[in-house]
Each structure stands twice: as structure tokens, then as C-alpha cells.
Amino acid sequence: AQRPRAVSGAEAAAPETRRVSASPGPGVMMGRTHVNGFEGSPLDPRYTFESFVVGPANRMAHAAATQVAETVLAEDRGFNPLYLHSSVGLGKTHLQHAIAWEVKRRTPNAQVLYLTAERFRYQFVEAIKSHDGAAFKDKFRSIDILLIDDLEFMRGEKTEQEFEHIINSLLDGGRQVVVASARPPGQLDGLNDRMRSRLQRGLVTEISALDSSLRLKILQRRALEKRSSDPSFEIPGEVVDLLAERLTESGRELEGAINRLYLTWQLMHAPVTLDIAETIIRDLVQGIEPRRIKIEDILRIVSRHYAVSKQDILSDRRHRSVVRPRQVGMYLAKHLTSRSLPEIGRRFGNRDHTTVLHAIRKIDREVGENPRLKDEIEELKRQLNR
């Protein structure tokens, strides 16, 4: 017997709309929430409650997210704030997007803003540079629901203070807040005790690892989505069972496997077999080859993380706000690339190799003494290895 499998073909990049459509579907473009001239992060139209596959690992999070979406303008809300946490690829972002889409479907006039922590930080830094900090705060005043994703990337003392002020203001005003992170509030070093306590007053719920039955359901759903656009695409049940057994990391990994099978099927014009599945599993689990990190990648990620320009990092400026990112970048270049110290020095503004060595030793020493810097370095490494 064969089990049909498929994933909708909404993978291709598409132009972004300025406002969220109330009825996302297979042909809808990526959207952004938009409040008071403040443009949010992109929303994926595939990420709805209808496409979310529910199981024991995520049942509580799904139920809470659904209730938030249904009661965002109600007098009495059960979960405020709602805090979702899990490892990468288990559905936090899917649920946040689903809440945003559902709120807009139910109440089109609701003021919804979805932001990643990095976008919040970038917009705040730009406002400070433009001496427009007060206007930045004002943009949040009329929001009915604020959704913040990847809170672990909320870095920088001033940014964290501003975030705390805005969250407190929204919650005190009875507005809904939803936060997602890779860690629970108590494990986020960037938050002070007051903010941790505030985030824990609503509902903190974890999405745990996917069990085999949920992995199987996700594969079946994604395959059926593919089949809806191409009914001739089929995956034997034994192939689906193999994928569910061997791919255990995340929902994204499972979706990637279906996408690879579909592409292989299109190119080869041949039935999907266990041998093809084994090859795909081997590539997904081990990787065809380790990702090669370039110094250009490090400069881009470090400049974005610390909200400084690449030109500043390469310049002769000695201000601490520039020196620290520069030293961290050199440290990462030494540990993540095969470049020599002189080559790293040349790529970081034609600096002497002794300057590079000093930076590496300094960060090495501080990582051992400063848990927050250690976490920051690990986050940067994760970003570079994505």
C-alpha cells in the first residue's frame, strides 16, 4: 500500500505585501504586519493553525496560541503574556505566525505587530541614531497584540531596557504580548529579574521533542500538501516510515526531506524508493560537506548582531562599541576558518597579526570569566552555521 505525501509549493521567494492579508493561502505573497508606520518582520502564509500538526509535544502550546488568537480583544484573557520556548524547528515561529494570521482574519482592524528580536533591535538602534527614541516608543501605543520572536537575540543594554519598558507598558495597558525563545525566561541572561518575573506571570509553555507518531503525522501532512498541487506525486508508506524513524531533530528537517524527495521525483521522473530516501537522510543528517564559513560571513553576522557597520569594524575607530565587535570577529575568524593571523589582520582593516593575536587572547580569557559573553559567542556561531 502507498501513502500519498505532499507539501504546498509556497517555497519560492515572493514579493512582500505592506499589510497582512486576512486569508493567507497557497497563492498569497509573504506579508508583514504594519502599525503606525512601523513595519514588522515577514509572515509566512503557510504558517496557519490549519497547517500546524498537533501532538503530545505541542498540544499545550497550540491550545494556548489558539485561545490567544480568539480572545485578543476580549476583556478577560487567560494567557498574557504567552511565552513559548523550544529548540530550533519545533514550531514556535509557526504558532506566532498562525496567531497573527488568525487575529487578522477574525478582527481585520486589530493592530498586530510581529517582530523578531533582531528587527526590534535594529529599528531601535536606527531610532537612536536619528535622535527619534520617543517616536519609537509611541509607535507601540496603539498595538493590540505584539509578537516577539527569538528573544534570545535581544542583545544590548539599552535595547533590553527599551524592550522592558515597552512590554511593561503594553501589559499594564491590557494589551496582548506573545514571546518565543529557544530558552525559558529564567535562562535568558539578557533579562533582569523584573522582566523574567513579568514574562512568567502569564503562561510559559515548552514545545518538546517530536515523538515518532508526530513526526509521521507531519510527514504525511507535508506530503499531502505537495500532492494537492501535483496529484501524481506519491511516496510509499515504507519510505515515510523510514523518514519518521531516522529524522528526529525537527519539523524543518522533516519538511526538508519531503521537499528533497519531491524535487528528486520531478527531476528523475521515477518512483520514490528506499534507496533515494536513504541518500536524502544521509545528506540531511551528516551533510554532504561541512559548511565553509568565510570571513565575509563573520563580518556580516557580527556587524548585524552588534548593530555596527562593517565599515566601522574595518576602520581605525577605538570606541568600545566598535572595538568589542572587531575583537569578537577576529576571535571567530581564528576558530571557524583556516585563515592565518596575518590574513585575518588584512581582512579586518589591514591590521598587524599581533593585534589579531591580542584580540583572540582577550576574548578567550573573557569567555572563561563572563558567562554572558560565552553565550553571545555561541549564538554567533549558531548563526554562522545555519
Protein backbone atom coordinates (compact mmCIF):
# COMPACT_ATOMS: atom_id res chain seq x y z
CA ALA A 1 0.00 0.00 0.00
CA GLN A 2 1.15 3.51 -0.68
CA ARG A 3 0.61 6.64 1.37
CA PRO A 4 0.38 9.90 -0.61
CA ARG A 5 2.59 12.70 0.65
CA ALA A 6 2.95 16.35 -0.40
CA VAL A 7 3.93 19.86 0.59
CA SER A 8 2.50 23.05 -0.87
CA GLY A 9 4.71 24.77 -3.39
CA ALA A 10 4.94 28.05 -1.46
CA GLU A 11 8.72 27.74 -1.03
CA ALA A 12 9.70 30.19 -3.76
CA ALA A 13 10.55 33.72 -2.76
CA ALA A 14 7.78 36.20 -3.40
CA PRO A 15 7.30 39.97 -3.15
CA GLU A 16 6.22 41.22 0.24
CA THR A 17 2.98 43.00 0.89
CA ARG A 18 2.86 46.01 3.17
CA ARG A 19 -0.05 44.70 5.22
CA VAL A 20 -1.20 41.30 6.35
CA SER A 21 -3.89 39.71 4.24
CA ALA A 22 -6.76 38.26 6.25
CA SER A 23 -6.90 34.99 4.29
CA PRO A 24 -3.49 33.51 3.56
CA GLY A 25 -3.47 30.70 1.04
CA PRO A 26 -1.23 28.84 -1.38
CA GLY A 27 -1.01 31.74 -3.82
CA VAL A 28 -0.66 34.55 -1.28
CA MET A 29 2.54 36.57 -1.05
CA MET A 30 4.62 36.83 2.11
CA GLY A 31 3.13 39.53 4.33
CA ARG A 32 4.23 41.94 7.02
CA THR A 33 2.30 43.41 9.88
CA HIS A 34 2.34 47.20 9.82
CA VAL A 35 1.43 49.58 12.68
CA ASN A 36 1.89 53.37 12.80
CA GLY A 37 4.50 53.31 10.05
CA PHE A 38 6.37 50.52 11.83
CA GLU A 39 6.94 47.56 9.53
CA GLY A 40 7.13 44.15 11.15
CA SER A 41 9.07 41.04 10.19
CA PRO A 42 7.80 38.82 7.33
CA LEU A 43 4.86 36.46 7.93
CA ASP A 44 4.71 33.16 6.05
CA PRO A 45 1.19 32.48 4.68
CA ARG A 46 1.77 28.72 5.08
CA TYR A 47 2.09 29.08 8.86
CA THR A 48 -1.53 28.88 9.99
CA PHE A 49 -3.36 26.88 12.65
CA GLU A 50 -4.78 24.69 9.88
CA SER A 51 -1.30 23.63 8.73
CA PHE A 52 0.08 23.10 12.26
CA VAL A 53 0.25 19.40 13.14
CA VAL A 54 -0.75 18.79 16.77
CA GLY A 55 0.61 16.06 19.04
CA PRO A 56 1.61 15.48 22.66
CA ALA A 57 4.79 17.55 22.26
CA ASN A 58 2.98 20.76 21.27
CA ARG A 59 -0.65 20.33 22.35
CA MET A 60 -0.48 22.81 25.24
CA ALA A 61 1.32 25.45 23.16
CA HIS A 62 -1.17 25.04 20.30
CA ALA A 63 -4.18 25.32 22.63
CA ALA A 64 -2.78 28.43 24.32
CA ALA A 65 -1.92 30.07 20.98
CA THR A 66 -5.41 29.36 19.67
CA GLN A 67 -7.03 30.89 22.74
CA VAL A 68 -4.85 33.99 22.47
CA ALA A 69 -5.86 34.47 18.84
CA GLU A 70 -9.54 34.08 19.71
CA THR A 71 -9.55 36.44 22.73
CA VAL A 72 -7.01 39.10 21.83
CA LEU A 73 -9.61 41.90 22.15
CA ALA A 74 -11.64 40.28 24.92
CA GLU A 75 -11.98 41.81 28.38
CA ASP A 76 -10.64 38.70 30.09
CA ARG A 77 -7.60 36.96 28.62
CA GLY A 78 -6.31 33.73 30.08
CA PHE A 79 -2.68 33.90 28.98
CA ASN A 80 -0.95 37.26 28.98
CA PRO A 81 1.87 37.18 28.32
CA LEU A 82 2.14 33.87 26.48
CA TYR A 83 5.74 32.61 26.41
CA LEU A 84 6.66 29.73 24.05
CA HIS A 85 10.05 28.07 24.20
CA SER A 86 11.68 25.10 22.47
CA SER A 87 14.69 24.01 20.46
CA VAL A 88 15.01 25.16 16.85
CA GLY A 89 12.49 23.93 14.28
CA LEU A 90 9.76 22.63 16.60
CA GLY A 91 7.02 25.16 15.78
CA LYS A 92 7.41 28.36 17.84
CA THR A 93 7.54 30.62 14.81
CA HIS A 94 4.75 28.69 13.09
CA LEU A 95 2.44 29.34 16.06
CA GLN A 96 3.35 33.03 16.24
CA HIS A 97 2.60 33.50 12.54
CA ALA A 98 -0.62 31.50 12.97
CA ILE A 99 -1.74 33.82 15.78
CA ALA A 100 -1.08 36.89 13.64
CA TRP A 101 -2.97 35.48 10.64
CA GLU A 102 -5.91 34.32 12.77
CA VAL A 103 -6.26 37.65 14.60
CA LYS A 104 -6.32 39.49 11.26
CA ARG A 105 -8.88 37.02 9.91
CA ARG A 106 -11.17 37.38 12.90
CA THR A 107 -10.70 41.12 13.51
CA PRO A 108 -9.21 42.83 10.43
CA ASN A 109 -8.98 46.17 12.24
CA ALA A 110 -6.85 44.79 15.09
CA GLN A 111 -3.39 46.34 15.36
CA VAL A 112 -0.99 43.38 15.11
CA LEU A 113 2.81 43.61 15.11
CA TYR A 114 5.13 40.63 14.68
CA LEU A 115 8.85 41.30 15.17
CA THR A 116 11.97 39.20 15.53
CA ALA A 117 14.23 40.39 18.34
CA GLU A 118 16.88 41.30 15.78
CA ARG A 119 14.47 43.53 13.88
CA PHE A 120 13.33 45.19 17.11
CA ARG A 121 16.95 45.91 18.00
CA TYR A 122 17.79 47.19 14.52
CA GLN A 123 14.79 49.55 14.46
CA PHE A 124 15.61 50.80 17.96
CA VAL A 125 19.27 51.48 17.10
CA GLU A 126 18.21 53.33 13.94
CA ALA A 127 15.78 55.44 16.02
CA ILE A 128 18.55 56.33 18.49
CA LYS A 129 20.91 57.28 15.67
CA SER A 130 18.18 59.55 14.28
CA HIS A 131 17.51 61.03 17.77
CA ASP A 132 14.00 59.63 17.45
CA GLY A 133 13.74 57.42 20.55
CA ALA A 134 10.47 58.97 21.78
CA ALA A 135 8.78 58.34 18.42
CA PHE A 136 9.95 54.72 18.57
CA LYS A 137 8.05 54.23 21.85
CA ASP A 138 4.95 55.98 20.51
CA LYS A 139 4.65 53.50 17.64
CA PHE A 140 3.76 50.75 20.12
CA ARG A 141 1.00 52.66 21.91
CA SER A 142 -1.90 51.55 19.70
CA ILE A 143 -0.85 47.90 19.32
CA ASP A 144 -3.45 45.29 20.30
CA ILE A 145 -1.04 42.36 20.16
CA LEU A 146 2.76 42.30 19.98
CA LEU A 147 4.52 39.08 18.99
CA ILE A 148 8.29 38.90 19.59
CA ASP A 149 10.28 36.00 18.14
CA ASP A 150 13.81 34.76 19.01
CA LEU A 151 14.01 36.71 22.27
CA GLU A 152 17.44 35.20 22.99
CA PHE A 153 18.84 37.56 20.33
CA MET A 154 17.68 40.68 22.22
CA ARG A 155 21.17 41.99 22.97
CA GLY A 156 22.47 45.33 24.18
CA GLU A 157 21.78 47.05 27.50
CA LYS A 158 19.84 49.99 26.03
CA THR A 159 17.83 47.70 23.75
CA GLU A 160 16.92 45.43 26.66
CA GLN A 161 15.85 48.44 28.74
CA GLU A 162 13.66 49.73 25.92
CA PHE A 163 12.16 46.28 25.40
CA GLU A 164 11.34 46.04 29.11
CA HIS A 165 9.70 49.47 29.08
CA ILE A 166 7.54 48.63 26.04
CA ILE A 167 6.47 45.20 27.35
CA ASN A 168 5.54 46.65 30.75
CA SER A 169 3.61 49.47 29.09
CA LEU A 170 1.64 47.06 26.88
CA LEU A 171 0.84 44.62 29.68
CA ASP A 172 -0.15 47.42 32.06
CA GLY A 173 -2.44 48.72 29.34
CA GLY A 174 -4.14 45.35 28.91
CA ARG A 175 -2.57 44.60 25.52
CA GLN A 176 -1.64 41.06 24.50
CA VAL A 177 2.03 40.00 24.33
CA VAL A 178 3.36 36.73 22.88
CA VAL A 179 7.06 35.87 23.14
CA ALA A 180 9.02 32.96 21.67
CA SER A 181 12.55 31.92 22.52
CA ALA A 182 14.92 28.97 22.49
CA ARG A 183 15.10 29.21 26.31
CA PRO A 184 12.68 29.76 29.20
CA PRO A 185 12.73 33.22 30.84
CA GLY A 186 14.88 32.09 33.76
CA GLN A 187 17.72 31.09 31.43
CA LEU A 188 17.93 34.35 29.45
CA ASP A 189 20.95 36.29 30.74
CA GLY A 190 19.92 39.46 28.93
CA LEU A 191 16.79 39.90 31.07
CA ASN A 192 16.80 41.36 34.56
CA ASP A 193 14.85 39.71 37.39
CA ARG A 194 11.90 42.09 37.00
CA MET A 195 11.48 41.23 33.32
CA ARG A 196 11.85 37.48 33.93
CA SER A 197 9.16 37.68 36.61
CA ARG A 198 6.84 39.67 34.34
CA LEU A 199 7.14 37.18 31.50
CA GLN A 200 6.41 34.29 33.86
CA ARG A 201 3.13 35.76 35.14
CA GLY A 202 1.11 34.52 32.17
CA LEU A 203 1.72 31.08 30.68
CA VAL A 204 5.19 29.68 29.97
CA THR A 205 4.93 26.52 27.89
CA GLU A 206 7.55 24.36 26.20
CA ILE A 207 7.29 22.56 22.87
CA SER A 208 9.20 19.34 23.45
CA ALA A 209 10.94 17.00 21.02
CA LEU A 210 8.70 15.37 18.42
CA ASP A 211 7.84 11.72 19.10
CA SER A 212 7.71 9.18 16.27
CA SER A 213 3.93 9.37 15.81
CA LEU A 214 4.00 13.16 15.50
CA ARG A 215 6.93 13.01 13.07
CA LEU A 216 4.90 10.59 10.95
CA LYS A 217 1.86 12.91 11.02
CA ILE A 218 4.00 15.89 9.98
CA LEU A 219 5.47 13.96 7.05
CA GLN A 220 2.01 12.84 5.96
CA ARG A 221 0.64 16.39 6.14
CA ARG A 222 3.53 17.96 4.24
CA ALA A 223 3.34 15.28 1.57
CA LEU A 224 -0.40 15.77 1.15
CA GLU A 225 0.23 19.48 0.67
CA LYS A 226 2.63 18.66 -2.16
CA ARG A 227 0.11 16.24 -3.63
CA SER A 228 -2.56 18.96 -3.64
CA SER A 229 -0.53 20.82 -6.28
CA ASP A 230 0.58 17.67 -8.13
CA PRO A 231 -1.75 14.64 -7.62
CA SER A 232 0.66 12.29 -9.40
CA PHE A 233 3.28 12.65 -6.64
CA GLU A 234 3.29 9.62 -4.34
CA ILE A 235 5.57 8.35 -1.56
CA PRO A 236 5.40 4.70 -0.49
CA GLY A 237 4.43 4.16 3.13
CA GLU A 238 7.72 2.37 3.87
CA VAL A 239 9.64 5.49 2.78
CA VAL A 240 7.58 7.71 5.07
CA ASP A 241 8.11 5.29 7.96
CA LEU A 242 11.86 5.35 7.35
CA LEU A 243 11.97 9.14 7.35
CA ALA A 244 9.96 9.31 10.57
CA GLU A 245 12.29 6.82 12.24
CA ARG A 246 15.58 8.38 11.17
CA LEU A 247 14.91 12.14 11.08
CA THR A 248 14.37 13.10 14.71
CA GLU A 249 15.67 16.66 15.07
CA SER A 250 12.87 18.99 13.97
CA GLY A 251 9.84 19.69 11.82
CA ARG A 252 12.01 21.71 9.45
CA GLU A 253 14.19 18.66 8.85
CA LEU A 254 11.08 16.61 8.02
CA GLU A 255 9.76 19.27 5.65
CA GLY A 256 13.18 19.47 4.02
CA ALA A 257 13.13 15.74 3.39
CA ILE A 258 9.74 15.95 1.65
CA ASN A 259 10.94 18.87 -0.46
CA ARG A 260 14.05 16.92 -1.48
CA LEU A 261 12.00 13.85 -2.38
CA TYR A 262 9.62 15.96 -4.44
CA LEU A 263 12.47 17.66 -6.32
CA THR A 264 14.21 14.34 -6.95
CA TRP A 265 10.94 12.85 -8.20
CA GLN A 266 10.43 15.78 -10.58
CA LEU A 267 13.97 15.58 -11.98
CA MET A 268 14.22 11.79 -12.30
CA HIS A 269 10.64 11.03 -13.42
CA ALA A 270 10.86 7.80 -11.44
CA PRO A 271 9.08 6.40 -8.36
CA VAL A 272 10.39 7.35 -4.92
CA THR A 273 12.35 4.42 -3.46
CA LEU A 274 14.01 3.49 -0.17
CA ASP A 275 17.44 3.97 -1.79
CA ILE A 276 16.58 7.57 -2.70
CA ALA A 277 15.26 8.16 0.81
CA GLU A 278 18.46 6.75 2.34
CA THR A 279 20.56 9.16 0.29
CA ILE A 280 18.44 12.13 1.37
CA ILE A 281 18.58 11.06 5.02
CA ARG A 282 22.36 10.72 4.81
CA ASP A 283 22.66 14.23 3.36
CA LEU A 284 20.33 15.77 5.93
CA VAL A 285 21.87 14.08 8.97
CA GLN A 286 25.54 14.30 8.05
CA GLY A 287 25.61 16.98 5.40
CA ILE A 288 27.34 16.48 2.06
CA GLU A 289 30.24 18.55 3.42
CA PRO A 290 30.69 20.85 6.40
CA ARG A 291 29.60 24.42 5.80
CA ARG A 292 32.61 26.59 4.96
CA ILE A 293 32.46 29.83 6.90
CA LYS A 294 34.03 32.87 5.28
CA ILE A 295 35.39 35.98 6.95
CA GLU A 296 32.84 37.94 4.95
CA ASP A 297 30.11 35.91 6.67
CA ILE A 298 31.63 36.70 10.07
CA LEU A 299 31.79 40.43 9.32
CA ARG A 300 28.15 40.41 8.20
CA ILE A 301 26.81 38.47 11.21
CA VAL A 302 28.92 40.35 13.78
CA SER A 303 28.02 43.79 12.39
CA ARG A 304 24.32 42.89 12.43
CA HIS A 305 24.49 41.39 15.93
CA TYR A 306 26.21 44.42 17.47
CA ALA A 307 24.37 46.98 15.30
CA VAL A 308 27.58 48.50 13.92
CA SER A 309 28.53 48.83 10.29
CA LYS A 310 31.11 46.68 8.56
CA GLN A 311 32.95 49.90 7.71
CA ASP A 312 33.24 50.74 11.42
CA ILE A 313 34.69 47.31 12.19
CA LEU A 314 37.30 47.75 9.46
CA SER A 315 38.06 51.36 10.43
CA ASP A 316 40.61 52.76 12.91
CA ARG A 317 37.90 53.76 15.42
CA ARG A 318 38.80 52.85 19.02
CA HIS A 319 35.42 53.32 20.72
CA ARG A 320 34.38 50.30 22.80
CA SER A 321 31.18 49.91 20.76
CA VAL A 322 33.39 49.14 17.75
CA VAL A 323 36.43 47.51 19.39
CA ARG A 324 34.45 44.69 21.02
CA PRO A 325 32.69 43.56 17.78
CA ARG A 326 36.04 43.77 15.95
CA GLN A 327 37.76 41.57 18.55
CA VAL A 328 34.89 39.08 18.59
CA GLY A 329 35.05 38.92 14.80
CA MET A 330 38.79 38.17 14.86
CA TYR A 331 38.23 35.52 17.52
CA LEU A 332 35.56 33.82 15.41
CA ALA A 333 37.72 34.04 12.29
CA LYS A 334 40.54 32.22 14.09
CA HIS A 335 38.29 29.46 15.46
CA LEU A 336 35.94 28.98 12.49
CA THR A 337 38.19 29.47 9.44
CA SER A 338 41.58 28.19 8.34
CA ARG A 339 42.93 31.70 7.78
CA SER A 340 46.31 32.64 9.29
CA LEU A 341 46.69 35.53 11.74
CA PRO A 342 48.23 37.84 9.09
CA GLU A 343 45.39 37.04 6.67
CA ILE A 344 42.77 37.72 9.36
CA GLY A 345 44.52 41.02 10.12
CA ARG A 346 44.40 42.03 6.45
CA ARG A 347 40.69 41.18 6.20
CA PHE A 348 39.95 43.22 9.35
CA GLY A 349 41.25 46.54 8.08
CA ASN A 350 44.92 45.73 7.36
CA ARG A 351 45.83 45.14 10.99
CA ASP A 352 49.06 43.59 12.23
CA HIS A 353 48.98 39.92 13.23
CA THR A 354 49.96 40.89 16.79
CA THR A 355 46.73 42.93 17.04
CA VAL A 356 44.77 39.87 15.97
CA LEU A 357 46.57 37.68 18.50
CA HIS A 358 45.85 40.20 21.28
CA ALA A 359 42.14 40.22 20.36
CA ILE A 360 41.92 36.41 20.30
CA ARG A 361 43.63 36.05 23.68
CA LYS A 362 41.48 38.78 25.20
CA ILE A 363 38.18 37.21 24.06
CA ASP A 364 39.44 33.74 25.01
CA ARG A 365 40.14 34.94 28.54
CA GLU A 366 36.85 36.82 28.88
CA VAL A 367 34.80 33.89 27.61
CA GLY A 368 36.11 31.87 30.55
CA GLU A 369 35.18 34.63 33.01
CA ASN A 370 31.95 36.01 31.54
CA PRO A 371 29.04 33.54 31.01
CA ARG A 372 27.07 36.16 29.10
CA LEU A 373 29.88 36.68 26.57
CA LYS A 374 30.23 32.92 26.25
CA ASP A 375 26.51 32.64 25.39
CA GLU A 376 26.87 35.51 22.93
CA ILE A 377 29.75 33.77 21.15
CA GLU A 378 27.75 30.53 20.97
CA GLU A 379 24.77 32.40 19.46
CA LEU A 380 27.02 33.93 16.81
CA LYS A 381 28.48 30.51 15.99
CA ARG A 382 24.96 29.11 15.61
CA GLN A 383 24.01 31.92 13.25
CA LEU A 384 27.13 31.33 11.17
CA ASN A 385 26.46 27.59 10.93
CA ARG A 386 22.84 27.93 9.76
